[in-house]
PDB file of N, CA and C in Angstrom:
ATOM      1  N   MET A   1     116.747  90.744 128.347  1.00  0.00           N
ATOM      2  CA  MET A   1     117.426  91.353 127.059  1.00  0.00           C
ATOM      3  C   MET A   1     116.682  91.047 125.992  1.00  0.00           C
ATOM      4  N   THR A   2     116.700  91.688 125.132  1.00  0.00           N
ATOM      5  CA  THR A   2     115.581  92.045 123.858  1.00  0.00           C
ATOM      6  C   THR A   2     116.251  91.046 122.538  1.00  0.00           C
ATOM      7  N   ASP A   3     115.652  90.465 121.612  1.00  0.00           N
ATOM      8  CA  ASP A   3     116.297  89.486 120.814  1.00  0.00           C
ATOM      9  C   ASP A   3     117.480  90.353 119.980  1.00  0.00           C
ATOM     10  N   ASP A   4     116.992  91.659 119.642  1.00  0.00           N
ATOM     11  CA  ASP A   4     118.249  92.668 118.860  1.00  0.00           C
ATOM     12  C   ASP A   4     119.429  92.641 119.994  1.00  0.00           C
ATOM     13  N   ALA A   5     119.281  92.977 121.254  1.00  0.00           N
ATOM     14  CA  ALA A   5     120.472  92.743 121.958  1.00  0.00           C
ATOM     15  C   ALA A   5     121.074  91.701 122.109  1.00  0.00           C
ATOM     16  N   LYS A   6     120.478  90.679 122.251  1.00  0.00           N
ATOM     17  CA  LYS A   6     121.016  89.120 121.973  1.00  0.00           C
ATOM     18  C   LYS A   6     121.982  89.162 120.755  1.00  0.00           C
ATOM     19  N   ARG A   7     121.275  89.625 119.375  1.00  0.00           N
ATOM     20  CA  ARG A   7     121.994  89.425 118.486  1.00  0.00           C
ATOM     21  C   ARG A   7     123.205  90.135 118.381  1.00  0.00           C
ATOM     22  N   ILE A   8     123.363  91.370 118.889  1.00  0.00           N
ATOM     23  CA  ILE A   8     124.677  92.295 119.173  1.00  0.00           C
ATOM     24  C   ILE A   8     125.396  91.822 119.973  1.00  0.00           C
ATOM     25  N   MET A   9     125.135  90.880 121.399  1.00  0.00           N
ATOM     26  CA  MET A   9     126.020  90.469 121.973  1.00  0.00           C
ATOM     27  C   MET A   9     126.802  89.347 121.243  1.00  0.00           C
ATOM     28  N   GLY A  10     125.965  88.556 120.591  1.00  0.00           N
ATOM     29  CA  GLY A  10     126.114  87.257 119.822  1.00  0.00           C
ATOM     30  C   GLY A  10     127.101  87.682 118.968  1.00  0.00           C
ATOM     31  N   ALA A  11     127.152  88.726 118.216  1.00  0.00           N
ATOM     32  CA  ALA A  11     128.059  89.307 117.292  1.00  0.00           C
ATOM     33  C   ALA A  11     129.492  89.245 117.727  1.00  0.00           C
ATOM     34  N   PHE A  12     129.729  89.716 119.035  1.00  0.00           N
ATOM     35  CA  PHE A  12     131.022  89.865 119.656  1.00  0.00           C
ATOM     36  C   PHE A  12     131.719  88.553 119.879  1.00  0.00           C
ATOM     37  N   ARG A  13     130.863  87.220 119.631  1.00  0.00           N
ATOM     38  CA  ARG A  13     131.471  85.844 119.527  1.00  0.00           C
ATOM     39  C   ARG A  13     132.274  85.717 118.397  1.00  0.00           C
ATOM     40  N   GLU A  14     132.021  86.460 117.448  1.00  0.00           N
ATOM     41  CA  GLU A  14     132.631  86.415 116.225  1.00  0.00           C
ATOM     42  C   GLU A  14     133.996  87.355 115.767  1.00  0.00           C
ATOM     43  N   ALA A  15     133.740  88.458 116.581  1.00  0.00           N
ATOM     44  CA  ALA A  15     134.699  89.535 116.770  1.00  0.00           C
ATOM     45  C   ALA A  15     134.879  90.159 117.810  1.00  0.00           C
ATOM     46  N   PRO A  16     135.791  90.111 118.553  1.00  0.00           N
ATOM     47  CA  PRO A  16     135.535  90.794 119.862  1.00  0.00           C
ATOM     48  C   PRO A  16     135.728  92.388 120.032  1.00  0.00           C
ATOM     49  N   VAL A  17     136.278  92.800 119.028  1.00  0.00           N
ATOM     50  CA  VAL A  17     136.389  94.336 118.849  1.00  0.00           C
ATOM     51  C   VAL A  17     135.928  94.578 117.485  1.00  0.00           C
ATOM     52  N   MET A  18     134.825  95.595 117.305  1.00  0.00           N
ATOM     53  CA  MET A  18     134.329  96.067 116.261  1.00  0.00           C
ATOM     54  C   MET A  18     133.785  97.242 115.905  1.00  0.00           C
ATOM     55  N   THR A  19     133.694  98.095 114.861  1.00  0.00           N
ATOM     56  CA  THR A  19     133.154  99.525 114.675  1.00  0.00           C
ATOM     57  C   THR A  19     131.642  99.145 114.697  1.00  0.00           C
ATOM     58  N   LEU A  20     130.848 100.288 114.871  1.00  0.00           N
ATOM     59  CA  LEU A  20     129.444 100.425 114.679  1.00  0.00           C
ATOM     60  C   LEU A  20     129.282  99.624 113.524  1.00  0.00           C
ATOM     61  N   GLN A  21     129.706  99.972 112.371  1.00  0.00           N
ATOM     62  CA  GLN A  21     129.188  99.487 111.197  1.00  0.00           C
ATOM     63  C   GLN A  21     129.314  97.929 111.163  1.00  0.00           C
ATOM     64  N   ALA A  22     130.360  97.306 111.592  1.00  0.00           N
ATOM     65  CA  ALA A  22     130.483  96.120 111.648  1.00  0.00           C
ATOM     66  C   ALA A  22     129.582  95.053 112.528  1.00  0.00           C
ATOM     67  N   VAL A  23     129.201  95.960 113.568  1.00  0.00           N
ATOM     68  CA  VAL A  23     128.244  95.321 114.613  1.00  0.00           C
ATOM     69  C   VAL A  23     126.875  95.204 113.825  1.00  0.00           C
ATOM     70  N   SER A  24     126.516  96.333 113.367  1.00  0.00           N
ATOM     71  CA  SER A  24     125.278  96.422 112.701  1.00  0.00           C
ATOM     72  C   SER A  24     125.096  95.532 111.678  1.00  0.00           C
ATOM     73  N   THR A  25     126.065  95.299 110.748  1.00  0.00           N
ATOM     74  CA  THR A  25     126.107  94.362 110.014  1.00  0.00           C
ATOM     75  C   THR A  25     126.224  92.821 110.275  1.00  0.00           C
ATOM     76  N   MET A  26     126.795  92.699 111.293  1.00  0.00           N
ATOM     77  CA  MET A  26     127.040  91.308 111.685  1.00  0.00           C
ATOM     78  C   MET A  26     125.286  90.798 112.447  1.00  0.00           C
ATOM     79  N   ALA A  27     125.112  92.057 113.168  1.00  0.00           N
ATOM     80  CA  ALA A  27     123.445  91.717 114.117  1.00  0.00           C
ATOM     81  C   ALA A  27     122.199  91.710 112.908  1.00  0.00           C
ATOM     82  N   GLY A  28     122.603  92.294 111.835  1.00  0.00           N
ATOM     83  CA  GLY A  28     121.624  92.467 110.593  1.00  0.00           C
ATOM     84  C   GLY A  28     120.906  93.667 111.112  1.00  0.00           C
ATOM     85  N   LEU A  29     120.932  94.662 111.905  1.00  0.00           N
ATOM     86  CA  LEU A  29     120.375  95.693 112.144  1.00  0.00           C
ATOM     87  C   LEU A  29     120.673  96.900 111.440  1.00  0.00           C
ATOM     88  N   GLY A  30     119.950  98.218 111.489  1.00  0.00           N
ATOM     89  CA  GLY A  30     120.446  99.391 111.080  1.00  0.00           C
ATOM     90  C   GLY A  30     121.092 100.088 111.868  1.00  0.00           C
ATOM     91  N   GLU A  31     121.986 100.992 111.453  1.00  0.00           N
ATOM     92  CA  GLU A  31     123.172 101.603 112.252  1.00  0.00           C
ATOM     93  C   GLU A  31     122.414 102.203 113.445  1.00  0.00           C
ATOM     94  N   HIS A  32     121.170 102.936 113.050  1.00  0.00           N
ATOM     95  CA  HIS A  32     120.778 104.010 114.625  1.00  0.00           C
ATOM     96  C   HIS A  32     120.479 102.883 115.399  1.00  0.00           C
ATOM     97  N   THR A  33     119.709 101.696 115.202  1.00  0.00           N
ATOM     98  CA  THR A  33     119.224 100.748 115.826  1.00  0.00           C
ATOM     99  C   THR A  33     120.410 100.101 116.678  1.00  0.00           C
ATOM    100  N   THR A  34     121.308  99.850 116.109  1.00  0.00           N
ATOM    101  CA  THR A  34     122.445  98.991 116.786  1.00  0.00           C
ATOM    102  C   THR A  34     122.947 100.299 117.685  1.00  0.00           C
ATOM    103  N   ARG A  35     123.451 101.405 117.232  1.00  0.00           N
ATOM    104  CA  ARG A  35     124.182 102.216 118.063  1.00  0.00           C
ATOM    105  C   ARG A  35     123.280 102.703 119.698  1.00  0.00           C
ATOM    106  N   PHE A  36     121.892 102.600 119.293  1.00  0.00           N
ATOM    107  CA  PHE A  36     120.899 102.766 120.391  1.00  0.00           C
ATOM    108  C   PHE A  36     121.137 101.705 121.562  1.00  0.00           C
ATOM    109  N   ILE A  37     121.090 100.386 120.953  1.00  0.00           N
ATOM    110  CA  ILE A  37     121.165  99.258 121.929  1.00  0.00           C
ATOM    111  C   ILE A  37     122.701  99.096 122.448  1.00  0.00           C
ATOM    112  N   LEU A  38     123.527  99.665 121.721  1.00  0.00           N
ATOM    113  CA  LEU A  38     125.174  99.292 122.222  1.00  0.00           C
ATOM    114  C   LEU A  38     125.032 100.733 123.211  1.00  0.00           C
ATOM    115  N   GLU A  39     124.335 101.837 123.309  1.00  0.00           N
ATOM    116  CA  GLU A  39     124.411 102.827 124.046  1.00  0.00           C
ATOM    117  C   GLU A  39     123.807 102.081 125.404  1.00  0.00           C
ATOM    118  N   GLN A  40     122.680 101.356 125.299  1.00  0.00           N
ATOM    119  CA  GLN A  40     122.012 100.956 126.305  1.00  0.00           C
ATOM    120  C   GLN A  40     122.917  99.997 127.174  1.00  0.00           C
ATOM    121  N   LEU A  41     123.490  99.330 126.336  1.00  0.00           N
ATOM    122  CA  LEU A  41     124.147  98.069 126.728  1.00  0.00           C
ATOM    123  C   LEU A  41     125.451  98.550 127.503  1.00  0.00           C
ATOM    124  N   ARG A  42     125.902  99.774 127.004  1.00  0.00           N
ATOM    125  CA  ARG A  42     127.166 100.443 127.742  1.00  0.00           C
ATOM    126  C   ARG A  42     126.617 100.919 129.139  1.00  0.00           C
ATOM    127  N   GLN A  43     125.593 101.571 129.158  1.00  0.00           N
ATOM    128  CA  GLN A  43     125.033 102.149 130.413  1.00  0.00           C
ATOM    129  C   GLN A  43     124.916 100.863 131.378  1.00  0.00           C
ATOM    130  N   ALA A  44     124.539  99.658 130.924  1.00  0.00           N
ATOM    131  CA  ALA A  44     124.384  98.767 131.739  1.00  0.00           C
ATOM    132  C   ALA A  44     125.980  97.936 132.181  1.00  0.00           C
ATOM    133  N   GLY A  45     126.901  98.480 131.593  1.00  0.00           N
ATOM    134  CA  GLY A  45     128.128  97.902 131.934  1.00  0.00           C
ATOM    135  C   GLY A  45     128.563  96.728 131.192  1.00  0.00           C
ATOM    136  N   LEU A  46     127.901  96.311 130.075  1.00  0.00           N
ATOM    137  CA  LEU A  46     128.139  95.011 129.356  1.00  0.00           C
ATOM    138  C   LEU A  46     128.982  95.077 128.220  1.00  0.00           C
ATOM    139  N   VAL A  47     129.219  96.680 127.442  1.00  0.00           N
ATOM    140  CA  VAL A  47     129.982  96.804 126.430  1.00  0.00           C
ATOM    141  C   VAL A  47     130.812  98.333 126.841  1.00  0.00           C
ATOM    142  N   LEU A  48     131.935  98.317 125.915  1.00  0.00           N
ATOM    143  CA  LEU A  48     132.605  99.203 126.252  1.00  0.00           C
ATOM    144  C   LEU A  48     132.743  99.835 124.562  1.00  0.00           C
ATOM    145  N   GLU A  49     133.143 101.308 124.599  1.00  0.00           N
ATOM    146  CA  GLU A  49     133.609 101.976 123.439  1.00  0.00           C
ATOM    147  C   GLU A  49     134.598 102.713 123.619  1.00  0.00           C
ATOM    148  N   ARG A  50     135.687 102.112 122.680  1.00  0.00           N
ATOM    149  CA  ARG A  50     137.092 103.058 122.687  1.00  0.00           C
ATOM    150  C   ARG A  50     137.459 103.298 121.244  1.00  0.00           C
ATOM    151  N   HIS A  51     137.942 104.466 121.388  1.00  0.00           N
ATOM    152  CA  HIS A  51     138.210 104.786 119.930  1.00  0.00           C
ATOM    153  C   HIS A  51     137.472 104.359 118.835  1.00  0.00           C
ATOM    154  N   LYS A  52     136.185 104.653 118.839  1.00  0.00           N
ATOM    155  CA  LYS A  52     134.866 104.163 117.800  1.00  0.00           C
ATOM    156  C   LYS A  52     135.075 102.931 117.694  1.00  0.00           C
ATOM    157  N   ARG A  53     135.578 102.066 118.445  1.00  0.00           N
ATOM    158  CA  ARG A  53     135.598 100.463 118.597  1.00  0.00           C
ATOM    159  C   ARG A  53     134.571 100.034 119.785  1.00  0.00           C
ATOM    160  N   TRP A  54     133.893  99.051 119.353  1.00  0.00           N
ATOM    161  CA  TRP A  54     133.171  98.223 120.434  1.00  0.00           C
ATOM    162  C   TRP A  54     133.588  96.970 121.018  1.00  0.00           C
ATOM    163  N   SER A  55     133.591  96.757 122.434  1.00  0.00           N
ATOM    164  CA  SER A  55     133.870  95.466 122.490  1.00  0.00           C
ATOM    165  C   SER A  55     132.866  94.992 123.881  1.00  0.00           C
ATOM    166  N   ILE A  56     133.091  93.718 124.194  1.00  0.00           N
ATOM    167  CA  ILE A  56     132.646  93.398 125.624  1.00  0.00           C
ATOM    168  C   ILE A  56     133.281  93.681 126.712  1.00  0.00           C
ATOM    169  N   ALA A  57     132.682  94.302 127.680  1.00  0.00           N
ATOM    170  CA  ALA A  57     133.226  94.636 128.997  1.00  0.00           C
ATOM    171  C   ALA A  57     134.094  93.329 129.656  1.00  0.00           C
ATOM    172  N   GLY A  58     135.289  93.273 130.128  1.00  0.00           N
ATOM    173  CA  GLY A  58     135.806  92.361 130.654  1.00  0.00           C
ATOM    174  C   GLY A  58     136.204  91.582 129.581  1.00  0.00           C
ATOM    175  N   GLY A  59     135.947  91.848 128.212  1.00  0.00           N
ATOM    176  CA  GLY A  59     136.729  90.990 127.346  1.00  0.00           C
ATOM    177  C   GLY A  59     135.871  89.729 126.448  1.00  0.00           C
ATOM    178  N   HIS A  60     135.151  89.510 127.499  1.00  0.00           N
ATOM    179  CA  HIS A  60     134.232  88.092 127.034  1.00  0.00           C
ATOM    180  C   HIS A  60     132.997  88.085 127.693  1.00  0.00           C
ATOM    181  N   LEU A  61     132.131  87.311 127.087  1.00  0.00           N
ATOM    182  CA  LEU A  61     130.614  87.043 127.699  1.00  0.00           C
ATOM    183  C   LEU A  61     130.314  85.712 127.652  1.00  0.00           C
ATOM    184  N   SER A  62     130.438  85.166 128.872  1.00  0.00           N
ATOM    185  CA  SER A  62     130.207  83.568 129.070  1.00  0.00           C
ATOM    186  C   SER A  62     128.899  83.065 128.706  1.00  0.00           C
ATOM    187  N   ASP A  63     128.767  81.875 128.491  1.00  0.00           N
ATOM    188  CA  ASP A  63     127.120  81.427 128.104  1.00  0.00           C
ATOM    189  C   ASP A  63     126.533  81.426 129.445  1.00  0.00           C
ATOM    190  N   ASP A  64     127.009  81.238 130.642  1.00  0.00           N
ATOM    191  CA  ASP A  64     126.220  81.504 131.888  1.00  0.00           C
ATOM    192  C   ASP A  64     125.768  82.984 132.236  1.00  0.00           C
ATOM    193  N   GLN A  65     126.485  83.944 131.548  1.00  0.00           N
ATOM    194  CA  GLN A  65     126.073  85.231 131.744  1.00  0.00           C
ATOM    195  C   GLN A  65     125.080  85.609 130.963  1.00  0.00           C
ATOM    196  N   GLU A  66     125.090  85.074 129.909  1.00  0.00           N
ATOM    197  CA  GLU A  66     124.229  85.268 128.546  1.00  0.00           C
ATOM    198  C   GLU A  66     123.021  84.632 128.876  1.00  0.00           C
ATOM    199  N   SER A  67     122.774  83.470 129.464  1.00  0.00           N
ATOM    200  CA  SER A  67     121.755  82.946 129.886  1.00  0.00           C
ATOM    201  C   SER A  67     120.903  83.317 130.947  1.00  0.00           C
ATOM    202  N   SER A  68     121.650  83.977 131.677  1.00  0.00           N
ATOM    203  CA  SER A  68     121.071  84.294 133.068  1.00  0.00           C
ATOM    204  C   SER A  68     120.377  86.028 132.699  1.00  0.00           C
ATOM    205  N   GLU A  69     120.529  86.611 131.470  1.00  0.00           N
ATOM    206  CA  GLU A  69     119.920  87.637 131.357  1.00  0.00           C
ATOM    207  C   GLU A  69     118.761  87.737 130.856  1.00  0.00           C
TER     208      GLU A  69
END
Protein backbone atom coordinates (compact mmCIF):
# COMPACT_ATOMS: atom_id res chain seq x y z
CA MET A 1 0.00 0.00 0.00
CA THR A 2 1.40 3.42 -0.92
CA ASP A 3 1.98 6.19 1.59
CA ASP A 4 -0.91 8.17 0.09
CA ALA A 5 -3.24 5.18 0.42
CA LYS A 6 -2.13 4.74 4.03
CA ARG A 7 -2.91 8.41 4.71
CA ILE A 8 -6.39 7.93 3.26
CA MET A 9 -6.99 4.79 5.31
CA GLY A 10 -5.68 6.59 8.39
CA ALA A 11 -8.17 9.41 7.84
CA PHE A 12 -10.99 6.93 8.44
CA ARG A 13 -9.74 6.49 12.02
CA GLU A 14 -10.80 10.11 12.66
CA ALA A 15 -14.15 9.91 10.88
CA PRO A 16 -15.64 6.57 9.81
CA VAL A 17 -17.80 8.00 6.99
CA MET A 18 -16.71 10.93 4.81
CA THR A 19 -17.35 12.70 1.54
CA LEU A 20 -14.62 12.78 -1.09
CA GLN A 21 -13.81 16.36 -0.09
CA ALA A 22 -13.44 15.41 3.57
CA VAL A 23 -11.16 12.45 2.78
CA SER A 24 -9.09 14.67 0.51
CA THR A 25 -8.72 17.36 3.17
CA MET A 26 -7.89 14.95 5.98
CA ALA A 27 -5.35 13.06 3.86
CA GLY A 28 -3.82 16.27 2.51
CA LEU A 29 -4.22 15.18 -1.11
CA GLY A 30 -5.90 16.64 -4.17
CA GLU A 31 -9.43 15.48 -4.96
CA HIS A 32 -8.42 13.76 -8.22
CA THR A 33 -5.65 11.83 -6.49
CA THR A 34 -7.94 10.95 -3.59
CA ARG A 35 -10.71 9.75 -5.92
CA PHE A 36 -8.25 7.57 -7.87
CA ILE A 37 -6.86 5.97 -4.71
CA LEU A 38 -10.34 5.48 -3.22
CA GLU A 39 -11.46 3.73 -6.41
CA GLN A 40 -8.42 1.44 -6.24
CA LEU A 41 -9.15 0.69 -2.57
CA ARG A 42 -12.80 0.01 -3.48
CA GLN A 43 -11.70 -2.45 -6.17
CA ALA A 44 -9.58 -4.20 -3.52
CA GLY A 45 -12.61 -4.40 -1.21
CA LEU A 46 -11.14 -2.11 1.46
CA VAL A 47 -13.56 0.82 1.18
CA LEU A 48 -17.18 1.33 0.17
CA GLU A 49 -18.97 4.25 -1.45
CA ARG A 50 -22.66 4.77 -0.69
CA HIS A 51 -24.60 7.92 -1.48
CA LYS A 52 -21.36 9.82 -2.23
CA ARG A 53 -19.95 8.92 1.18
CA TRP A 54 -16.91 6.74 1.67
CA SER A 55 -16.26 4.32 4.52
CA ILE A 56 -14.04 1.39 5.43
CA ALA A 57 -15.49 -1.93 4.25
CA GLY A 58 -16.67 -3.85 7.29
CA GLY A 59 -16.81 -0.71 9.41
CA HIS A 60 -13.21 -0.56 10.65
CA LEU A 61 -9.60 -1.36 9.91
CA SER A 62 -7.66 -3.00 12.69
CA ASP A 63 -3.97 -2.32 13.39
CA ASP A 64 -3.19 -5.90 12.33
CA GLN A 65 -4.84 -5.46 8.92
CA GLU A 66 -3.08 -2.15 8.31
CA SER A 67 0.38 -3.43 9.18
CA SER A 68 0.02 -6.59 7.08
CA GLU A 69 -0.66 -4.67 3.86
